[in-house]
Amino acid sequence: MALNVGDVAPDFDLPQAEGAGDNIKLGDYKGKKNVLLCFYPFDFSPVCSEQLPAYSAQADRFERADCAVLGISVDSPFSHAAWAESAGISFPLLSDFFGKETVKAYGLEHEKGFSNRAVILIDKVGKVVHAEVTASPPDLPDDEKLFAAIDGLS
């Protein structure tokens, strides 16, 4: 089952896109930044190629809310690197390729083994303040509700 508002977000330690740097841990942001986790099914897929670049285009809005954006899927770090470059994605893409522990911890594993599409907004103390899981594919999260929750963090 996916997380609910008020739940403590499970920590993780995941590799970034190949060549992008060290692993990222959710705990590194605790007390410092709000975090938006964008779980998505696959790099290079049509719906994901609409959603994640649109969040990159909103980088200023996330920055004003002191909010880091992290993409998470079960694709490999190599695929993430190629997709981030081709799609112009400016935030870290994290790979839950080996074991899918993070996707499972967040209750987002699809029956076919990939991640369901979800946005999980976590405040600086590590609690979920907004969560939306959508059909994978083709539905996108409701950005109006997401940005209202982000604006509420300020």
C-alpha atoms as a PDB file:
ATOM      1  CA  MET A   1       0.000   0.000   0.000  1.00  0.00           C
ATOM      2  CA  ALA A   2       1.283   3.471  -0.884  1.00  0.00           C
ATOM      3  CA  LEU A   3       2.126   5.976   1.828  1.00  0.00           C
ATOM      4  CA  ASN A   4      -0.421   8.398   3.216  1.00  0.00           C
ATOM      5  CA  VAL A   5      -0.153  12.021   4.275  1.00  0.00           C
ATOM      6  CA  GLY A   6       1.380  12.122   7.748  1.00  0.00           C
ATOM      7  CA  ASP A   7       3.461   8.957   7.314  1.00  0.00           C
ATOM      8  CA  VAL A   8       7.211   9.105   7.825  1.00  0.00           C
ATOM      9  CA  ALA A   9       8.903   8.630   4.450  1.00  0.00           C
ATOM     10  CA  PRO A  10      11.177   5.571   4.332  1.00  0.00           C
ATOM     11  CA  ASP A  11      14.848   6.396   3.876  1.00  0.00           C
ATOM     12  CA  PHE A  12      16.739   5.096   0.863  1.00  0.00           C
ATOM     13  CA  ASP A  13      20.251   5.049  -0.579  1.00  0.00           C
ATOM     14  CA  LEU A  14      20.137   4.911  -4.384  1.00  0.00           C
ATOM     15  CA  PRO A  15      22.631   5.430  -7.215  1.00  0.00           C
ATOM     16  CA  GLN A  16      22.205   8.402  -9.527  1.00  0.00           C
ATOM     17  CA  ALA A  17      22.418   8.383 -13.302  1.00  0.00           C
ATOM     18  CA  GLU A  18      25.794   7.037 -14.413  1.00  0.00           C
ATOM     19  CA  GLY A  19      28.484   9.678 -14.013  1.00  0.00           C
ATOM     20  CA  ALA A  20      26.256  12.062 -12.006  1.00  0.00           C
ATOM     21  CA  GLY A  21      27.917  11.503  -8.633  1.00  0.00           C
ATOM     22  CA  ASP A  22      27.533   9.590  -5.390  1.00  0.00           C
ATOM     23  CA  ASN A  23      24.441   7.778  -4.200  1.00  0.00           C
ATOM     24  CA  ILE A  24      21.643   9.922  -2.803  1.00  0.00           C
ATOM     25  CA  LYS A  25      20.016   9.222   0.547  1.00  0.00           C
ATOM     26  CA  LEU A  26      16.693  10.751   1.513  1.00  0.00           C
ATOM     27  CA  GLY A  27      18.096  11.262   5.017  1.00  0.00           C
ATOM     28  CA  ASP A  28      20.665  13.718   3.623  1.00  0.00           C
ATOM     29  CA  TYR A  29      17.819  16.215   3.083  1.00  0.00           C
ATOM     30  CA  LYS A  30      16.225  15.873   6.534  1.00  0.00           C
ATOM     31  CA  GLY A  31      16.175  19.210   8.316  1.00  0.00           C
ATOM     32  CA  LYS A  32      17.547  20.944   5.212  1.00  0.00           C
ATOM     33  CA  LYS A  33      15.128  20.698   2.267  1.00  0.00           C
ATOM     34  CA  ASN A  34      11.667  19.563   1.303  1.00  0.00           C
ATOM     35  CA  VAL A  35      11.778  16.733  -1.241  1.00  0.00           C
ATOM     36  CA  LEU A  36       9.528  15.779  -4.142  1.00  0.00           C
ATOM     37  CA  LEU A  37       9.938  12.139  -5.141  1.00  0.00           C
ATOM     38  CA  CYS A  38       8.710  11.452  -8.680  1.00  0.00           C
ATOM     39  CA  PHE A  39       8.306   7.708  -9.086  1.00  0.00           C
ATOM     40  CA  TYR A  40       7.849   6.789 -12.729  1.00  0.00           C
ATOM     41  CA  PRO A  41       7.697   3.589 -14.820  1.00  0.00           C
ATOM     42  CA  PHE A  42      10.401   3.950 -17.492  1.00  0.00           C
ATOM     43  CA  ASP A  43      12.974   6.252 -19.034  1.00  0.00           C
ATOM     44  CA  PHE A  44      12.167   7.218 -22.633  1.00  0.00           C
ATOM     45  CA  SER A  45       8.459   6.341 -22.329  1.00  0.00           C
ATOM     46  CA  PRO A  46       5.995   8.874 -23.787  1.00  0.00           C
ATOM     47  CA  VAL A  47       4.160   9.871 -20.579  1.00  0.00           C
ATOM     48  CA  CYS A  48       7.345  10.019 -18.487  1.00  0.00           C
ATOM     49  CA  SER A  49       8.965  12.087 -21.235  1.00  0.00           C
ATOM     50  CA  GLU A  50       6.159  14.610 -20.750  1.00  0.00           C
ATOM     51  CA  GLN A  51       6.075  14.644 -16.938  1.00  0.00           C
ATOM     52  CA  LEU A  52       9.702  14.815 -15.810  1.00  0.00           C
ATOM     53  CA  PRO A  53      10.972  17.444 -18.278  1.00  0.00           C
ATOM     54  CA  ALA A  54       7.977  19.590 -17.261  1.00  0.00           C
ATOM     55  CA  TYR A  55       9.225  19.454 -13.668  1.00  0.00           C
ATOM     56  CA  SER A  56      12.697  20.495 -14.849  1.00  0.00           C
ATOM     57  CA  ALA A  57      11.083  23.495 -16.528  1.00  0.00           C
ATOM     58  CA  GLN A  58       9.590  24.444 -13.125  1.00  0.00           C
ATOM     59  CA  ALA A  59      12.991  24.412 -11.357  1.00  0.00           C
ATOM     60  CA  ASP A  60      12.595  28.011 -10.132  1.00  0.00           C
ATOM     61  CA  ARG A  61       9.283  27.184  -8.482  1.00  0.00           C
ATOM     62  CA  PHE A  62      10.793  24.215  -6.653  1.00  0.00           C
ATOM     63  CA  GLU A  63      13.798  26.316  -5.612  1.00  0.00           C
ATOM     64  CA  ARG A  64      11.551  29.022  -4.118  1.00  0.00           C
ATOM     65  CA  ALA A  65       9.866  26.327  -2.012  1.00  0.00           C
ATOM     66  CA  ASP A  66      13.280  24.984  -0.904  1.00  0.00           C
ATOM     67  CA  CYS A  67      12.312  21.687  -2.517  1.00  0.00           C
ATOM     68  CA  ALA A  68      14.661  19.166  -4.107  1.00  0.00           C
ATOM     69  CA  VAL A  69      13.213  17.032  -6.908  1.00  0.00           C
ATOM     70  CA  LEU A  70      14.311  13.407  -7.320  1.00  0.00           C
ATOM     71  CA  GLY A  71      13.128  11.007 -10.020  1.00  0.00           C
ATOM     72  CA  ILE A  72      13.029   7.291  -9.146  1.00  0.00           C
ATOM     73  CA  SER A  73      12.452   4.323 -11.431  1.00  0.00           C
ATOM     74  CA  VAL A  74      13.664   0.751 -11.804  1.00  0.00           C
ATOM     75  CA  ASP A  75      15.720   1.617 -14.899  1.00  0.00           C
ATOM     76  CA  SER A  76      19.510   1.387 -14.738  1.00  0.00           C
ATOM     77  CA  PRO A  77      21.867   4.291 -14.002  1.00  0.00           C
ATOM     78  CA  PHE A  78      23.086   4.006 -17.626  1.00  0.00           C
ATOM     79  CA  SER A  79      19.573   4.446 -19.012  1.00  0.00           C
ATOM     80  CA  HIS A  80      18.989   7.384 -16.641  1.00  0.00           C
ATOM     81  CA  ALA A  81      22.122   9.153 -17.894  1.00  0.00           C
ATOM     82  CA  ALA A  82      21.114   8.827 -21.550  1.00  0.00           C
ATOM     83  CA  TRP A  83      17.511   9.858 -20.896  1.00  0.00           C
ATOM     84  CA  ALA A  84      18.393  12.853 -18.685  1.00  0.00           C
ATOM     85  CA  GLU A  85      20.706  14.155 -21.396  1.00  0.00           C
ATOM     86  CA  SER A  86      18.256  13.619 -24.264  1.00  0.00           C
ATOM     87  CA  ALA A  87      15.205  14.972 -22.376  1.00  0.00           C
ATOM     88  CA  GLY A  88      16.941  17.883 -20.635  1.00  0.00           C
ATOM     89  CA  ILE A  89      16.152  16.663 -17.129  1.00  0.00           C
ATOM     90  CA  SER A  90      18.096  18.775 -14.640  1.00  0.00           C
ATOM     91  CA  PHE A  91      17.360  16.998 -11.341  1.00  0.00           C
ATOM     92  CA  PRO A  92      18.817  13.662 -10.153  1.00  0.00           C
ATOM     93  CA  LEU A  93      17.373  10.434 -11.503  1.00  0.00           C
ATOM     94  CA  LEU A  94      17.816   7.551  -9.077  1.00  0.00           C
ATOM     95  CA  SER A  95      17.943   3.874  -9.941  1.00  0.00           C
ATOM     96  CA  ASP A  96      16.055   1.287  -7.904  1.00  0.00           C
ATOM     97  CA  PHE A  97      17.164  -1.352 -10.408  1.00  0.00           C
ATOM     98  CA  PHE A  98      18.694  -3.852  -7.984  1.00  0.00           C
ATOM     99  CA  GLY A  99      16.036  -5.287  -5.691  1.00  0.00           C
ATOM    100  CA  LYS A 100      13.450  -2.513  -6.078  1.00  0.00           C
ATOM    101  CA  GLU A 101      13.535  -2.008  -2.293  1.00  0.00           C
ATOM    102  CA  THR A 102      12.582   1.675  -2.433  1.00  0.00           C
ATOM    103  CA  VAL A 103       9.668   1.150  -4.823  1.00  0.00           C
ATOM    104  CA  LYS A 104       8.448  -1.641  -2.525  1.00  0.00           C
ATOM    105  CA  ALA A 105       8.976   0.414   0.674  1.00  0.00           C
ATOM    106  CA  TYR A 106       6.785   3.161  -0.786  1.00  0.00           C
ATOM    107  CA  GLY A 107       4.133   0.611  -1.840  1.00  0.00           C
ATOM    108  CA  LEU A 108       4.513   1.476  -5.511  1.00  0.00           C
ATOM    109  CA  GLU A 109       5.574  -1.759  -7.215  1.00  0.00           C
ATOM    110  CA  HIS A 110       3.396  -2.528 -10.226  1.00  0.00           C
ATOM    111  CA  GLU A 111       2.402  -6.178 -10.688  1.00  0.00           C
ATOM    112  CA  LYS A 112       4.679  -6.304 -13.763  1.00  0.00           C
ATOM    113  CA  GLY A 113       7.743  -5.245 -11.756  1.00  0.00           C
ATOM    114  CA  PHE A 114       8.153  -1.564 -12.633  1.00  0.00           C
ATOM    115  CA  SER A 115       7.212   1.438 -10.496  1.00  0.00           C
ATOM    116  CA  ASN A 116       3.749   2.913 -10.486  1.00  0.00           C
ATOM    117  CA  ARG A 117       3.667   6.622 -11.265  1.00  0.00           C
ATOM    118  CA  ALA A 118       3.474   8.708  -8.097  1.00  0.00           C
ATOM    119  CA  VAL A 119       4.482  12.035  -6.624  1.00  0.00           C
ATOM    120  CA  ILE A 120       5.363  12.007  -2.935  1.00  0.00           C
ATOM    121  CA  LEU A 121       6.078  15.377  -1.306  1.00  0.00           C
ATOM    122  CA  ILE A 122       8.103  15.166   1.908  1.00  0.00           C
ATOM    123  CA  ASP A 123       8.668  18.050   4.296  1.00  0.00           C
ATOM    124  CA  LYS A 124      11.943  18.905   6.023  1.00  0.00           C
ATOM    125  CA  VAL A 125      11.132  16.723   9.030  1.00  0.00           C
ATOM    126  CA  GLY A 126      10.619  13.666   6.797  1.00  0.00           C
ATOM    127  CA  LYS A 127       6.829  13.418   6.765  1.00  0.00           C
ATOM    128  CA  VAL A 128       4.650  12.936   3.706  1.00  0.00           C
ATOM    129  CA  VAL A 129       2.590  16.086   3.093  1.00  0.00           C
ATOM    130  CA  HIS A 130       1.173  15.137  -0.321  1.00  0.00           C
ATOM    131  CA  ALA A 131       0.908  11.808  -2.127  1.00  0.00           C
ATOM    132  CA  GLU A 132      -0.727  10.913  -5.403  1.00  0.00           C
ATOM    133  CA  VAL A 133      -0.490   7.613  -7.244  1.00  0.00           C
ATOM    134  CA  THR A 134      -1.814   7.516 -10.808  1.00  0.00           C
ATOM    135  CA  ALA A 135      -2.427   4.750 -13.299  1.00  0.00           C
ATOM    136  CA  SER A 136       0.752   3.641 -15.030  1.00  0.00           C
ATOM    137  CA  PRO A 137       0.295   4.480 -17.850  1.00  0.00           C
ATOM    138  CA  PRO A 138      -1.244   6.844 -18.948  1.00  0.00           C
ATOM    139  CA  ASP A 139      -2.392   9.290 -16.262  1.00  0.00           C
ATOM    140  CA  LEU A 140      -0.264  12.132 -14.924  1.00  0.00           C
ATOM    141  CA  PRO A 141      -0.455  13.503 -11.375  1.00  0.00           C
ATOM    142  CA  ASP A 142      -2.588  16.590 -10.822  1.00  0.00           C
ATOM    143  CA  ASP A 143       0.012  19.368 -10.925  1.00  0.00           C
ATOM    144  CA  GLU A 144      -2.455  21.895  -9.546  1.00  0.00           C
ATOM    145  CA  LYS A 145      -2.803  19.871  -6.315  1.00  0.00           C
ATOM    146  CA  LEU A 146       0.930  19.170  -6.230  1.00  0.00           C
ATOM    147  CA  PHE A 147       1.941  22.823  -6.549  1.00  0.00           C
ATOM    148  CA  ALA A 148      -0.694  23.862  -4.001  1.00  0.00           C
ATOM    149  CA  ALA A 149       0.950  21.434  -1.548  1.00  0.00           C
ATOM    150  CA  ILE A 150       4.409  22.758  -2.470  1.00  0.00           C
ATOM    151  CA  ASP A 151       3.252  26.362  -2.002  1.00  0.00           C
ATOM    152  CA  GLY A 152       1.893  25.336   1.401  1.00  0.00           C
ATOM    153  CA  LEU A 153       5.397  24.381   2.525  1.00  0.00           C
ATOM    154  CA  SER A 154       6.677  27.953   2.284  1.00  0.00           C
END
